[in-house]
Each structure stands twice: as C-alpha cells, then as structure tokens.
Amino acid sequence: MKRFSLFILSCIFAVPVFAQLLIAPTRFVLDADRSITEKIVVENSSDQPLRLEIKPVYRPITSAGVTRLTQDIQQTENIADWIQVSPPVIRELKPNQRRTIRLRFNALPKDMTDGEYRAYLWFSPIATGQEQAKDSKQLSGPAFELDFRVNSYIPIYAQRGKVTQNVDIQCQKDGIHIQNNGKYQFNATLNINGQDERLVLLRDSQLIKPVAAKSHATLLQDQKKIHECFF
C-alpha cells in the first residue's frame, strides 16, 4: 500500500477537525537552578477522539531574517534532556475531554553558565477513528492516503543568573538590524507606520528586518521607545 504523510508544523492551516487541540499554558519560563513539576491541560475541541503523543524536543530558529551568531548553539542551549512528561502518550482523548499532563524539569548542572536555555514540548494528535480506517484499508487492498497532522509546540525557557540585555540596534538602508549579543532573549514591539509586530530574538542571534522607503519605524519595550528609524 502506498502511503504519503504530510506533517504540518503550524496550527494555522485548513485541516480536518480532528487536528484541533487546546493547550494551556502556552509557554514556561523556569528557574534553571530549581527542579519543578508543572501542569499542562490539553483539551480535544474536535468532534472525534484523538490519540496524542507528547515529548520534549529542540527546534532551530526558522524565522525569516534571523541567523544565529554561534554555530554550535544547539549544544549550548538545548535542555530537552532535562525535561520529562507524564504521560508521554494519551491513547484516547474524547471530544471536549480534558487531561492534565505533568512536565518535570530537572535543575541544570552547576557547570552550565548563566544565560537562557530552551526546548519545546511537541504535541502530535491523530484521530483514533482514522487509525481504525487505515487498518481496514490495509485488509481490503491498495489505497492512497494523505494524512494531515497539525503538530503544536510550546516553548520552555530556563534562565540562570540575572537577566541582562546586550542588544545592538542599527538603522540601515535595507532595514533595521537587531543583534542580540546577550545570553537572554530580547523582547520588543516593532511599530512600522502604525502597524505593530512582536519581536522575540533569542540569545546570540541577529535579525535583519526589511523596511520600505519613506517609512517610520519605532522599537518599543514595555511601552517605552528604545529606538527609532526613518527610511
């Protein structure tokens, strides 16, 4: 039997209703020196039962215009090995049913330097009814299958030491250049001609944001203007 699987890494896509999954909270910022257990609630908002797999993973940055300044940054910041989830598989989550998942974070080793570390929790749902249909097709003969799986990710950050900023912002002909030389993420709001965009720039990374000519760009942090560019 020929089978083609399509894995979608975004929650915003026109897919069958079985892909609908609600997760709360949607991010964690933890103390790297403290072992802790947190709770996550998942809810099946579709009209079909789901099978759900959950596991800690590391994901590289894929945002447009962003590059990392350190070549082996994954080895530096990846904390997936310090995270455990229970249960790792929910065999059946009925429509409108909620389940609680426990996330266990183990304190990082003392030899890891001050800074911010990260990983993600990966949620992969599939309709249990669809799995049964596949089994029957395997028995009845060849078939062409196209599976849509909407995988969701929530970030987990672990911080050690006092959070400080070391960011260089420049107005260039091709746009705004923001270089985060620090060991912690940089959060800000970029307003271009009255349109806001939230920026999250991780440690040791650079963003080149193209801006059209005759534009006015303002970078704000906590509602305060920290930089301004005229193009």
Protein backbone atom coordinates (compact mmCIF):
# COMPACT_ATOMS: atom_id res chain seq x y z
CA MET A 1 0.00 0.00 0.00
CA LYS A 2 1.29 3.43 -0.92
CA ARG A 3 1.09 5.97 1.86
CA PHE A 4 2.01 9.63 1.91
CA SER A 5 2.14 11.55 5.21
CA LEU A 6 2.22 15.31 5.41
CA PHE A 7 3.38 16.83 8.68
CA ILE A 8 2.40 20.48 9.21
CA LEU A 9 4.41 22.46 11.78
CA SER A 10 1.85 25.20 12.27
CA CYS A 11 -1.51 25.34 13.97
CA ILE A 12 -2.93 27.78 11.41
CA PHE A 13 -3.99 25.61 8.49
CA ALA A 14 -7.19 24.37 6.92
CA VAL A 15 -7.28 20.78 8.18
CA PRO A 16 -9.93 18.29 9.31
CA VAL A 17 -11.44 18.97 12.72
CA PHE A 18 -9.50 16.13 14.40
CA ALA A 19 -6.44 18.40 14.40
CA GLN A 20 -7.98 20.80 16.90
CA LEU A 21 -6.23 20.75 20.26
CA LEU A 22 -6.27 23.37 23.01
CA ILE A 23 -3.21 23.67 25.25
CA ALA A 24 -2.68 25.80 28.37
CA PRO A 25 -0.36 27.36 29.34
CA THR A 26 1.42 28.07 26.06
CA ARG A 27 4.93 28.79 27.44
CA PHE A 28 7.09 28.31 30.52
CA VAL A 29 9.94 30.41 31.91
CA LEU A 30 11.67 28.39 34.65
CA ASP A 31 14.48 28.83 37.15
CA ALA A 32 17.42 26.77 35.85
CA ASP A 33 18.57 26.03 39.43
CA ARG A 34 15.27 24.60 40.64
CA SER A 35 13.71 21.23 39.86
CA ILE A 36 9.98 21.62 39.47
CA THR A 37 6.86 19.87 38.23
CA GLU A 38 4.36 21.91 36.23
CA LYS A 39 0.89 21.06 34.90
CA ILE A 40 -0.37 21.42 31.34
CA VAL A 41 -4.02 21.00 30.38
CA VAL A 42 -4.92 19.68 26.93
CA GLU A 43 -8.46 19.65 25.55
CA ASN A 44 -9.86 17.97 22.47
CA SER A 45 -12.01 20.62 20.81
CA SER A 46 -12.81 18.46 17.77
CA ASP A 47 -15.71 16.06 17.30
CA GLN A 48 -13.51 12.95 17.06
CA PRO A 49 -11.46 11.07 19.67
CA LEU A 50 -7.72 11.71 19.49
CA ARG A 51 -4.56 9.84 20.24
CA LEU A 52 -1.97 12.31 21.49
CA GLU A 53 1.81 11.96 21.71
CA ILE A 54 3.85 14.45 23.75
CA LYS A 55 7.63 14.73 24.05
CA PRO A 56 10.37 17.33 24.69
CA VAL A 57 12.32 18.35 21.59
CA TYR A 58 14.70 21.03 20.39
CA ARG A 59 13.85 23.21 17.38
CA PRO A 60 16.21 25.52 15.48
CA ILE A 61 15.08 29.00 14.51
CA THR A 62 13.38 29.21 11.11
CA SER A 63 12.10 32.80 11.24
CA ALA A 64 12.75 34.92 8.14
CA GLY A 65 15.74 37.23 8.50
CA VAL A 66 17.06 35.59 11.70
CA THR A 67 20.51 33.98 11.95
CA ARG A 68 22.39 32.60 14.94
CA LEU A 69 25.75 34.10 15.87
CA THR A 70 27.08 30.88 17.41
CA GLN A 71 27.49 27.92 15.08
CA ASP A 72 27.03 25.19 17.74
CA ILE A 73 24.24 26.99 19.60
CA GLN A 74 22.11 23.83 19.84
CA GLN A 75 24.73 22.13 22.01
CA THR A 76 24.78 25.21 24.24
CA GLU A 77 21.08 25.94 24.77
CA ASN A 78 19.26 22.62 24.30
CA ILE A 79 17.62 21.38 27.55
CA ALA A 80 15.33 18.68 26.15
CA ASP A 81 17.25 16.01 28.09
CA TRP A 82 16.33 17.72 31.38
CA ILE A 83 12.58 17.57 30.70
CA GLN A 84 10.20 14.66 31.19
CA VAL A 85 6.48 14.43 30.50
CA SER A 86 3.87 12.13 32.01
CA PRO A 87 2.06 10.57 30.33
CA PRO A 88 4.02 10.70 27.05
CA VAL A 89 1.03 9.22 25.20
CA ILE A 90 -2.70 9.72 25.74
CA ARG A 91 -4.28 6.80 23.94
CA GLU A 92 -7.72 8.36 23.74
CA LEU A 93 -8.86 11.91 24.33
CA LYS A 94 -12.59 12.14 23.71
CA PRO A 95 -14.29 15.20 22.19
CA ASN A 96 -14.39 18.07 24.73
CA GLN A 97 -12.41 15.97 27.19
CA ARG A 98 -9.54 17.49 29.17
CA ARG A 99 -6.45 15.79 30.51
CA THR A 100 -3.62 17.05 32.68
CA ILE A 101 -0.03 16.41 31.65
CA ARG A 102 2.81 16.75 34.13
CA LEU A 103 6.02 18.37 32.98
CA ARG A 104 9.07 17.59 35.13
CA PHE A 105 12.04 19.91 34.78
CA ASN A 106 15.30 18.86 36.45
CA ALA A 107 17.68 21.59 37.60
CA LEU A 108 20.55 22.15 35.18
CA PRO A 109 24.10 21.13 36.13
CA LYS A 110 26.11 23.71 38.05
CA ASP A 111 28.79 23.87 35.34
CA MET A 112 26.34 25.38 32.83
CA THR A 113 26.96 29.12 32.69
CA ASP A 114 24.50 31.96 33.31
CA GLY A 115 22.10 32.50 30.44
CA GLU A 116 18.87 31.28 28.90
CA TYR A 117 18.30 27.73 27.70
CA ARG A 118 15.36 26.32 25.81
CA ALA A 119 13.41 23.36 24.45
CA TYR A 120 9.83 22.72 23.31
CA LEU A 121 7.04 20.34 24.13
CA TRP A 122 5.83 18.68 20.94
CA PHE A 123 2.16 17.68 20.71
CA SER A 124 1.14 15.35 17.89
CA PRO A 125 -2.59 14.43 17.68
CA ILE A 126 -4.20 11.92 15.35
CA ALA A 127 -7.86 10.85 15.19
CA THR A 128 -8.26 7.33 16.57
CA GLY A 129 -11.10 6.70 14.10
CA GLN A 130 -8.71 7.46 11.25
CA GLU A 131 -6.25 4.85 12.53
CA GLN A 132 -9.02 2.23 12.53
CA ALA A 133 -9.98 3.20 8.97
CA LYS A 134 -6.38 2.70 7.88
CA ASP A 135 -6.32 -0.78 9.35
CA SER A 136 -9.45 -1.76 7.41
CA LYS A 137 -7.98 -0.35 4.18
CA GLN A 138 -4.85 -2.42 4.67
CA LEU A 139 -7.00 -5.51 4.79
CA SER A 140 -9.17 -4.58 1.80
CA GLY A 141 -6.44 -3.65 -0.69
CA PRO A 142 -4.22 -0.84 -2.02
CA ALA A 143 -5.14 2.75 -1.21
CA PHE A 144 -3.76 6.26 -1.47
CA GLU A 145 -3.65 8.11 1.87
CA LEU A 146 -2.76 11.68 2.70
CA ASP A 147 -2.57 12.37 6.44
CA PHE A 148 -2.72 15.88 7.87
CA ARG A 149 -1.17 16.21 11.30
CA VAL A 150 -1.03 19.57 12.98
CA ASN A 151 1.87 19.41 15.42
CA SER A 152 1.85 22.04 18.14
CA TYR A 153 4.84 23.31 20.09
CA ILE A 154 5.08 25.28 23.32
CA PRO A 155 8.44 26.80 24.38
CA ILE A 156 10.17 26.04 27.68
CA TYR A 157 12.85 28.50 28.78
CA ALA A 158 15.20 28.00 31.72
CA GLN A 159 17.11 31.04 32.99
CA ARG A 160 20.17 31.16 35.20
CA GLY A 161 21.65 34.35 36.66
CA LYS A 162 20.43 37.94 36.44
CA VAL A 163 18.67 38.67 33.15
CA THR A 164 20.55 41.40 31.30
CA GLN A 165 20.33 42.87 27.80
CA ASN A 166 23.16 43.35 25.33
CA VAL A 167 21.49 44.41 22.08
CA ASP A 168 22.81 46.47 19.18
CA ILE A 169 20.17 48.20 17.01
CA GLN A 170 21.05 49.97 13.75
CA CYS A 171 19.07 51.69 11.00
CA GLN A 172 20.50 50.56 7.66
CA LYS A 173 19.45 51.18 4.06
CA ASP A 174 17.94 47.71 3.77
CA GLY A 175 16.06 47.89 7.07
CA ILE A 176 16.54 47.52 10.81
CA HIS A 177 19.41 45.37 12.06
CA ILE A 178 18.99 44.00 15.59
CA GLN A 179 21.83 41.93 17.03
CA ASN A 180 21.32 40.22 20.39
CA ASN A 181 24.81 39.66 21.77
CA GLY A 182 23.47 38.69 25.18
CA LYS A 183 22.66 35.32 26.71
CA TYR A 184 18.97 36.04 27.21
CA GLN A 185 16.15 36.65 24.74
CA PHE A 186 15.24 40.15 23.65
CA ASN A 187 11.52 41.02 23.51
CA ALA A 188 10.17 44.16 21.90
CA THR A 189 7.40 45.59 19.74
CA LEU A 190 8.28 46.94 16.31
CA ASN A 191 5.90 49.58 15.00
CA ILE A 192 6.20 50.38 11.30
CA ASN A 193 3.86 53.09 10.02
CA GLY A 194 1.37 52.37 12.80
CA GLN A 195 1.44 48.55 12.47
CA ASP A 196 2.72 46.59 15.46
CA GLU A 197 4.77 43.39 15.29
CA ARG A 198 6.03 41.47 18.30
CA LEU A 199 9.70 40.50 18.15
CA VAL A 200 11.36 37.72 20.14
CA LEU A 201 15.06 37.47 19.42
CA LEU A 202 16.81 34.59 21.19
CA ARG A 203 20.32 34.70 22.62
CA ASP A 204 23.25 35.04 20.20
CA SER A 205 21.13 35.88 17.17
CA GLN A 206 20.62 38.62 14.60
CA LEU A 207 17.52 39.88 12.84
CA ILE A 208 17.52 41.90 9.62
CA LYS A 209 14.03 43.34 9.16
CA PRO A 210 13.42 44.89 5.71
CA VAL A 211 11.59 48.23 5.82
CA ALA A 212 10.18 50.07 2.80
CA ALA A 213 11.42 53.52 1.84
CA LYS A 214 9.69 56.55 3.39
CA SER A 215 8.70 54.50 6.42
CA HIS A 216 8.88 55.36 10.09
CA ALA A 217 9.86 52.52 12.44
CA THR A 218 9.85 52.59 16.23
CA LEU A 219 11.09 49.87 18.57
CA LEU A 220 9.35 49.73 21.95
CA GLN A 221 9.95 47.76 25.11
CA ASP A 222 7.42 47.88 27.96
CA GLN A 223 5.63 50.67 26.06
CA LYS A 224 8.81 52.80 26.07
CA LYS A 225 10.57 53.88 22.89
CA ILE A 226 14.11 52.46 22.74
CA HIS A 227 14.99 53.16 19.11
CA GLU A 228 13.63 54.99 16.08
CA CYS A 229 14.42 54.83 12.37
CA PHE A 230 13.36 56.98 9.40
CA PHE A 231 13.71 55.48 5.91
